Amino acid sequence: MSSAGQQDRALRELALRLLDAAGAGPAPIVRAGHPALRAVATPYDGQLERDELDGLLALMHRTMRAAPGVGLAAPQVGLGLALAVVEDPGVASKEVARVREREPLAYRVLVNPAYEPVGDERVAFYEGCLSVPAYQAVVRRHRSVRLTGSDADGRALDEVVSGWPARIVQHETDHLHGSLYLDHAELRSLAAADEVGVRWAAEPEPRDAARVLGFELA
């Protein structure tokens, strides 16, 4: 068997172990320092049977919701396959939703996703990560990106996404390339998710945080 075939078999065996261990519950989310979060994920190319893929995606969906989060990449459960799930119920604050362009995002699967910027505009907001719990930081990201890849049924994706959905796409796709949001963050904005940090993250734009903590938004 070729080395690629051995790798595919190992990935399938790991996926099946994850499914067996989780049962009907969520999977453990690996945290910063785990090697799966710093490796480039293997493109998905049918390594799993269809029922196995469906089971894995359902497990990732349960895990994301239980955390709770708005996206989860397979490396976050320790599996180096280029798969991600996203779903965002939105936020209660109309002002936050307007400023951040954060409307509800229906559940969807991203297989081998990639993105490229559309235009030069970038926007800076606080974000966090299920693999870096209890902290958040400001990340300046492209406001709009062209998303390519496919869905769980193999249908091609080629669309422009903007606002908060674009941020989610960038965050989760970065995971598949071994990158954490902290690699792109304004580190002076880093805040624990305590009373002070929650106040910074609740701002529609992190202007008070920038003034007090001493970082630039532009």
C-alpha atoms as a PDB file:
ATOM      1  CA  MET A   1       0.000   0.000   0.000  1.00  0.00           C
ATOM      2  CA  SER A   2       1.266   3.473  -0.858  1.00  0.00           C
ATOM      3  CA  SER A   3       2.002   6.032   1.842  1.00  0.00           C
ATOM      4  CA  ALA A   4      -1.068   8.005   0.728  1.00  0.00           C
ATOM      5  CA  GLY A   5      -3.184   4.874   1.050  1.00  0.00           C
ATOM      6  CA  GLN A   6      -1.794   4.214   4.521  1.00  0.00           C
ATOM      7  CA  GLN A   7      -2.576   7.776   5.538  1.00  0.00           C
ATOM      8  CA  ASP A   8      -6.144   7.505   4.246  1.00  0.00           C
ATOM      9  CA  ARG A   9      -6.631   4.238   6.131  1.00  0.00           C
ATOM     10  CA  ALA A  10      -5.283   5.803   9.327  1.00  0.00           C
ATOM     11  CA  LEU A  11      -7.633   8.781   8.944  1.00  0.00           C
ATOM     12  CA  ARG A  12     -10.609   6.487   8.434  1.00  0.00           C
ATOM     13  CA  GLU A  13      -9.688   4.403  11.466  1.00  0.00           C
ATOM     14  CA  LEU A  14      -9.353   7.549  13.578  1.00  0.00           C
ATOM     15  CA  ALA A  15     -12.736   8.830  12.366  1.00  0.00           C
ATOM     16  CA  LEU A  16     -14.371   5.510  13.271  1.00  0.00           C
ATOM     17  CA  ARG A  17     -12.776   5.569  16.723  1.00  0.00           C
ATOM     18  CA  LEU A  18     -14.132   9.076  17.269  1.00  0.00           C
ATOM     19  CA  LEU A  19     -17.616   7.924  16.288  1.00  0.00           C
ATOM     20  CA  ASP A  20     -17.464   4.876  18.538  1.00  0.00           C
ATOM     21  CA  ALA A  21     -16.171   6.843  21.528  1.00  0.00           C
ATOM     22  CA  ALA A  22     -18.715   9.657  21.201  1.00  0.00           C
ATOM     23  CA  GLY A  23     -21.820   7.531  20.719  1.00  0.00           C
ATOM     24  CA  ALA A  24     -24.760   9.914  20.658  1.00  0.00           C
ATOM     25  CA  GLY A  25     -22.857  12.672  22.438  1.00  0.00           C
ATOM     26  CA  PRO A  26     -20.320  15.301  21.400  1.00  0.00           C
ATOM     27  CA  ALA A  27     -16.631  14.668  20.824  1.00  0.00           C
ATOM     28  CA  PRO A  28     -13.872  16.194  22.956  1.00  0.00           C
ATOM     29  CA  ILE A  29     -12.486  19.371  21.407  1.00  0.00           C
ATOM     30  CA  VAL A  30      -8.699  19.472  21.293  1.00  0.00           C
ATOM     31  CA  ARG A  31      -6.980  22.615  22.528  1.00  0.00           C
ATOM     32  CA  ALA A  32      -4.061  24.766  21.481  1.00  0.00           C
ATOM     33  CA  GLY A  33      -0.895  22.693  21.667  1.00  0.00           C
ATOM     34  CA  HIS A  34      -2.466  19.633  20.076  1.00  0.00           C
ATOM     35  CA  PRO A  35      -0.514  18.770  16.904  1.00  0.00           C
ATOM     36  CA  ALA A  36      -3.697  18.351  14.831  1.00  0.00           C
ATOM     37  CA  LEU A  37      -4.279  22.097  15.150  1.00  0.00           C
ATOM     38  CA  ARG A  38      -0.890  22.892  13.616  1.00  0.00           C
ATOM     39  CA  ALA A  39      -0.907  20.453  10.696  1.00  0.00           C
ATOM     40  CA  VAL A  40      -2.282  21.006   7.201  1.00  0.00           C
ATOM     41  CA  ALA A  41      -5.401  18.866   6.893  1.00  0.00           C
ATOM     42  CA  THR A  42      -5.559  16.185   4.205  1.00  0.00           C
ATOM     43  CA  PRO A  43      -8.036  17.034   1.423  1.00  0.00           C
ATOM     44  CA  TYR A  44     -11.184  14.970   1.673  1.00  0.00           C
ATOM     45  CA  ASP A  45     -11.302  12.561  -1.256  1.00  0.00           C
ATOM     46  CA  GLY A  46     -13.690   9.817  -0.253  1.00  0.00           C
ATOM     47  CA  GLN A  47     -11.644   8.383   2.610  1.00  0.00           C
ATOM     48  CA  LEU A  48     -14.925   7.530   4.381  1.00  0.00           C
ATOM     49  CA  GLU A  49     -17.969   5.571   3.299  1.00  0.00           C
ATOM     50  CA  ARG A  50     -21.012   7.804   2.881  1.00  0.00           C
ATOM     51  CA  ASP A  51     -22.657   6.646   6.115  1.00  0.00           C
ATOM     52  CA  GLU A  52     -19.359   7.187   7.927  1.00  0.00           C
ATOM     53  CA  LEU A  53     -19.043  10.702   6.519  1.00  0.00           C
ATOM     54  CA  ASP A  54     -22.621  11.495   7.498  1.00  0.00           C
ATOM     55  CA  GLY A  55     -21.953  10.177  11.002  1.00  0.00           C
ATOM     56  CA  LEU A  56     -18.792  12.239  11.341  1.00  0.00           C
ATOM     57  CA  LEU A  57     -20.506  15.428  10.162  1.00  0.00           C
ATOM     58  CA  ALA A  58     -23.398  14.819  12.556  1.00  0.00           C
ATOM     59  CA  LEU A  59     -20.873  14.342  15.370  1.00  0.00           C
ATOM     60  CA  MET A  60     -19.130  17.591  14.461  1.00  0.00           C
ATOM     61  CA  HIS A  61     -22.485  19.382  14.348  1.00  0.00           C
ATOM     62  CA  ARG A  62     -23.437  18.069  17.812  1.00  0.00           C
ATOM     63  CA  THR A  63     -20.039  19.018  19.161  1.00  0.00           C
ATOM     64  CA  MET A  64     -20.234  22.543  17.745  1.00  0.00           C
ATOM     65  CA  ARG A  65     -23.702  23.105  19.186  1.00  0.00           C
ATOM     66  CA  ALA A  66     -22.835  21.650  22.583  1.00  0.00           C
ATOM     67  CA  ALA A  67     -19.751  23.853  22.982  1.00  0.00           C
ATOM     68  CA  PRO A  68     -21.506  26.173  21.885  1.00  0.00           C
ATOM     69  CA  GLY A  69     -19.859  27.619  18.787  1.00  0.00           C
ATOM     70  CA  VAL A  70     -20.619  28.828  15.273  1.00  0.00           C
ATOM     71  CA  GLY A  71     -18.099  26.657  13.450  1.00  0.00           C
ATOM     72  CA  LEU A  72     -15.983  23.571  13.921  1.00  0.00           C
ATOM     73  CA  ALA A  73     -13.218  22.112  11.760  1.00  0.00           C
ATOM     74  CA  ALA A  74     -12.309  18.424  11.831  1.00  0.00           C
ATOM     75  CA  PRO A  75      -8.808  19.113  13.271  1.00  0.00           C
ATOM     76  CA  GLN A  76     -10.570  20.506  16.348  1.00  0.00           C
ATOM     77  CA  VAL A  77     -11.683  16.969  17.180  1.00  0.00           C
ATOM     78  CA  GLY A  78      -8.205  15.712  16.342  1.00  0.00           C
ATOM     79  CA  LEU A  79      -8.974  14.540  12.800  1.00  0.00           C
ATOM     80  CA  GLY A  80      -6.780  15.937  10.021  1.00  0.00           C
ATOM     81  CA  LEU A  81      -9.356  15.974   7.221  1.00  0.00           C
ATOM     82  CA  ALA A  82     -10.373  19.145   5.358  1.00  0.00           C
ATOM     83  CA  LEU A  83     -13.941  19.246   6.639  1.00  0.00           C
ATOM     84  CA  ALA A  84     -15.797  21.932   8.571  1.00  0.00           C
ATOM     85  CA  VAL A  85     -19.326  22.666   9.719  1.00  0.00           C
ATOM     86  CA  VAL A  86     -20.763  26.139  10.345  1.00  0.00           C
ATOM     87  CA  GLU A  87     -24.001  27.465  11.826  1.00  0.00           C
ATOM     88  CA  ASP A  88     -24.791  30.766  13.517  1.00  0.00           C
ATOM     89  CA  PRO A  89     -28.092  31.555  15.252  1.00  0.00           C
ATOM     90  CA  GLY A  90     -27.199  35.246  15.251  1.00  0.00           C
ATOM     91  CA  VAL A  91     -27.255  37.689  18.157  1.00  0.00           C
ATOM     92  CA  ALA A  92     -30.042  39.355  20.102  1.00  0.00           C
ATOM     93  CA  SER A  93     -28.651  42.888  19.767  1.00  0.00           C
ATOM     94  CA  LYS A  94     -29.865  44.560  16.588  1.00  0.00           C
ATOM     95  CA  GLU A  95     -27.024  47.075  16.809  1.00  0.00           C
ATOM     96  CA  VAL A  96     -24.363  44.355  17.057  1.00  0.00           C
ATOM     97  CA  ALA A  97     -25.997  42.440  14.208  1.00  0.00           C
ATOM     98  CA  ARG A  98     -26.046  45.585  12.040  1.00  0.00           C
ATOM     99  CA  VAL A  99     -22.475  46.703  12.714  1.00  0.00           C
ATOM    100  CA  ARG A 100     -20.978  43.243  12.415  1.00  0.00           C
ATOM    101  CA  GLU A 101     -23.261  42.199   9.543  1.00  0.00           C
ATOM    102  CA  ARG A 102     -24.183  39.189  11.624  1.00  0.00           C
ATOM    103  CA  GLU A 103     -27.364  37.578  10.429  1.00  0.00           C
ATOM    104  CA  PRO A 104     -28.320  33.966  11.222  1.00  0.00           C
ATOM    105  CA  LEU A 105     -26.388  31.431   9.145  1.00  0.00           C
ATOM    106  CA  ALA A 106     -28.081  28.110   8.396  1.00  0.00           C
ATOM    107  CA  TYR A 107     -26.161  24.908   9.068  1.00  0.00           C
ATOM    108  CA  ARG A 108     -23.885  23.920   6.232  1.00  0.00           C
ATOM    109  CA  VAL A 109     -20.955  21.653   5.516  1.00  0.00           C
ATOM    110  CA  LEU A 110     -17.711  22.799   3.902  1.00  0.00           C
ATOM    111  CA  VAL A 111     -15.566  20.175   2.185  1.00  0.00           C
ATOM    112  CA  ASN A 112     -12.057  21.224   1.126  1.00  0.00           C
ATOM    113  CA  PRO A 113     -12.954  24.904   1.517  1.00  0.00           C
ATOM    114  CA  ALA A 114     -10.737  27.702   0.274  1.00  0.00           C
ATOM    115  CA  TYR A 115     -11.200  31.463   0.208  1.00  0.00           C
ATOM    116  CA  GLU A 116      -9.731  34.497  -1.453  1.00  0.00           C
ATOM    117  CA  PRO A 117     -10.427  38.142  -0.628  1.00  0.00           C
ATOM    118  CA  VAL A 118     -12.989  40.139  -2.566  1.00  0.00           C
ATOM    119  CA  GLY A 119     -11.919  43.775  -2.458  1.00  0.00           C
ATOM    120  CA  ASP A 120      -9.515  45.368  -0.005  1.00  0.00           C
ATOM    121  CA  GLU A 121     -11.856  46.106   2.897  1.00  0.00           C
ATOM    122  CA  ARG A 122     -11.009  44.577   6.254  1.00  0.00           C
ATOM    123  CA  VAL A 123     -12.973  44.731   9.473  1.00  0.00           C
ATOM    124  CA  ALA A 124     -11.775  44.225  13.044  1.00  0.00           C
ATOM    125  CA  PHE A 125     -13.863  42.530  15.723  1.00  0.00           C
ATOM    126  CA  TYR A 126     -13.355  40.301  18.714  1.00  0.00           C
ATOM    127  CA  GLU A 127     -13.517  36.586  18.057  1.00  0.00           C
ATOM    128  CA  GLY A 128     -12.753  33.438  20.008  1.00  0.00           C
ATOM    129  CA  CYS A 129     -12.101  29.771  19.351  1.00  0.00           C
ATOM    130  CA  LEU A 130     -13.379  26.553  20.885  1.00  0.00           C
ATOM    131  CA  SER A 131      -9.790  25.277  20.867  1.00  0.00           C
ATOM    132  CA  VAL A 132      -8.540  28.330  22.783  1.00  0.00           C
ATOM    133  CA  PRO A 133     -11.206  28.535  25.493  1.00  0.00           C
ATOM    134  CA  ALA A 134     -11.719  31.421  27.914  1.00  0.00           C
ATOM    135  CA  TYR A 135      -9.984  34.025  25.745  1.00  0.00           C
ATOM    136  CA  GLN A 136     -10.835  36.323  22.849  1.00  0.00           C
ATOM    137  CA  ALA A 137      -8.963  38.830  20.726  1.00  0.00           C
ATOM    138  CA  VAL A 138      -9.515  41.264  17.895  1.00  0.00           C
ATOM    139  CA  VAL A 139      -8.779  39.919  14.425  1.00  0.00           C
ATOM    140  CA  ARG A 140      -8.780  42.072  11.294  1.00  0.00           C
ATOM    141  CA  ARG A 141     -10.278  39.978   8.492  1.00  0.00           C
ATOM    142  CA  HIS A 142     -11.493  40.441   4.946  1.00  0.00           C
ATOM    143  CA  ARG A 143     -15.045  41.767   4.920  1.00  0.00           C
ATOM    144  CA  SER A 144     -15.888  39.696   1.826  1.00  0.00           C
ATOM    145  CA  VAL A 145     -14.350  36.519   0.463  1.00  0.00           C
ATOM    146  CA  ARG A 146     -14.930  34.163  -2.413  1.00  0.00           C
ATOM    147  CA  LEU A 147     -15.628  30.716  -0.949  1.00  0.00           C
ATOM    148  CA  THR A 148     -14.876  27.628  -3.033  1.00  0.00           C
ATOM    149  CA  GLY A 149     -14.965  23.931  -2.259  1.00  0.00           C
ATOM    150  CA  SER A 150     -17.896  21.555  -2.120  1.00  0.00           C
ATOM    151  CA  ASP A 151     -20.704  20.406   0.128  1.00  0.00           C
ATOM    152  CA  ALA A 152     -21.232  16.980   1.662  1.00  0.00           C
ATOM    153  CA  ASP A 153     -22.853  15.728  -1.552  1.00  0.00           C
ATOM    154  CA  GLY A 154     -19.938  16.797  -3.719  1.00  0.00           C
ATOM    155  CA  ARG A 155     -21.712  19.811  -5.206  1.00  0.00           C
ATOM    156  CA  ALA A 156     -19.283  22.604  -6.011  1.00  0.00           C
ATOM    157  CA  LEU A 157     -19.317  25.796  -3.958  1.00  0.00           C
ATOM    158  CA  ASP A 158     -18.327  29.072  -5.561  1.00  0.00           C
ATOM    159  CA  GLU A 159     -19.890  32.094  -3.905  1.00  0.00           C
ATOM    160  CA  VAL A 160     -19.119  35.421  -2.279  1.00  0.00           C
ATOM    161  CA  VAL A 161     -19.830  35.711   1.439  1.00  0.00           C
ATOM    162  CA  SER A 162     -19.620  38.905   3.460  1.00  0.00           C
ATOM    163  CA  GLY A 163     -19.838  40.134   7.011  1.00  0.00           C
ATOM    164  CA  TRP A 164     -19.817  37.682   9.902  1.00  0.00           C
ATOM    165  CA  PRO A 165     -20.333  34.603   7.678  1.00  0.00           C
ATOM    166  CA  ALA A 166     -17.118  35.579   5.868  1.00  0.00           C
ATOM    167  CA  ARG A 167     -15.352  35.762   9.227  1.00  0.00           C
ATOM    168  CA  ILE A 168     -16.574  32.276  10.151  1.00  0.00           C
ATOM    169  CA  VAL A 169     -15.458  30.886   6.783  1.00  0.00           C
ATOM    170  CA  GLN A 170     -11.997  32.399   7.190  1.00  0.00           C
ATOM    171  CA  HIS A 171     -11.640  31.178  10.772  1.00  0.00           C
ATOM    172  CA  GLU A 172     -12.648  27.587  10.004  1.00  0.00           C
ATOM    173  CA  THR A 173     -10.708  27.365   6.747  1.00  0.00           C
ATOM    174  CA  ASP A 174      -7.605  28.660   8.532  1.00  0.00           C
ATOM    175  CA  HIS A 175      -7.921  25.711  10.924  1.00  0.00           C
ATOM    176  CA  LEU A 176      -7.482  23.390   7.954  1.00  0.00           C
ATOM    177  CA  HIS A 177      -4.133  25.026   7.215  1.00  0.00           C
ATOM    178  CA  GLY A 178      -2.787  24.713  10.754  1.00  0.00           C
ATOM    179  CA  SER A 179      -3.551  28.304  11.708  1.00  0.00           C
ATOM    180  CA  LEU A 180      -5.266  29.596  14.860  1.00  0.00           C
ATOM    181  CA  TYR A 181      -7.000  32.954  15.107  1.00  0.00           C
ATOM    182  CA  LEU A 182      -4.321  34.110  17.537  1.00  0.00           C
ATOM    183  CA  ASP A 183      -1.807  33.942  14.695  1.00  0.00           C
ATOM    184  CA  HIS A 184      -3.673  36.855  13.072  1.00  0.00           C
ATOM    185  CA  ALA A 185      -4.890  38.685  16.193  1.00  0.00           C
ATOM    186  CA  GLU A 186      -4.014  42.074  17.640  1.00  0.00           C
ATOM    187  CA  LEU A 187      -2.377  40.630  20.747  1.00  0.00           C
ATOM    188  CA  ARG A 188      -2.803  43.771  22.850  1.00  0.00           C
ATOM    189  CA  SER A 189      -6.551  43.145  22.571  1.00  0.00           C
ATOM    190  CA  LEU A 190      -6.319  39.665  24.114  1.00  0.00           C
ATOM    191  CA  ALA A 191      -8.845  39.410  26.922  1.00  0.00           C
ATOM    192  CA  ALA A 192     -10.062  36.698  29.255  1.00  0.00           C
ATOM    193  CA  ALA A 193     -13.749  35.889  29.008  1.00  0.00           C
ATOM    194  CA  ASP A 194     -14.406  37.436  32.413  1.00  0.00           C
ATOM    195  CA  GLU A 195     -16.474  40.488  33.297  1.00  0.00           C
ATOM    196  CA  VAL A 196     -14.055  42.917  31.648  1.00  0.00           C
ATOM    197  CA  GLY A 197     -13.437  40.792  28.577  1.00  0.00           C
ATOM    198  CA  VAL A 198     -17.122  40.164  28.019  1.00  0.00           C
ATOM    199  CA  ARG A 199     -17.691  43.921  28.120  1.00  0.00           C
ATOM    200  CA  TRP A 200     -15.058  44.475  25.425  1.00  0.00           C
ATOM    201  CA  ALA A 201     -16.439  41.706  23.237  1.00  0.00           C
ATOM    202  CA  ALA A 202     -20.001  42.992  23.618  1.00  0.00           C
ATOM    203  CA  GLU A 203     -19.188  46.302  21.916  1.00  0.00           C
ATOM    204  CA  PRO A 204     -20.514  46.439  18.351  1.00  0.00           C
ATOM    205  CA  GLU A 205     -17.026  47.662  17.441  1.00  0.00           C
ATOM    206  CA  PRO A 206     -14.143  47.279  19.928  1.00  0.00           C
ATOM    207  CA  ARG A 207     -13.468  51.005  20.185  1.00  0.00           C
ATOM    208  CA  ASP A 208     -13.334  51.252  23.977  1.00  0.00           C
ATOM    209  CA  ALA A 209     -11.101  48.184  24.122  1.00  0.00           C
ATOM    210  CA  ALA A 210      -8.754  49.751  21.555  1.00  0.00           C
ATOM    211  CA  ARG A 211      -8.569  52.996  23.537  1.00  0.00           C
ATOM    212  CA  VAL A 212      -8.024  51.382  26.918  1.00  0.00           C
ATOM    213  CA  LEU A 213      -5.789  48.481  25.887  1.00  0.00           C
ATOM    214  CA  GLY A 214      -3.798  50.524  23.379  1.00  0.00           C
ATOM    215  CA  PHE A 215      -4.205  48.933  19.973  1.00  0.00           C
ATOM    216  CA  GLU A 216      -5.172  50.240  16.551  1.00  0.00           C
ATOM    217  CA  LEU A 217      -8.414  49.343  14.780  1.00  0.00           C
ATOM    218  CA  ALA A 218      -7.547  50.833  11.368  1.00  0.00           C
END
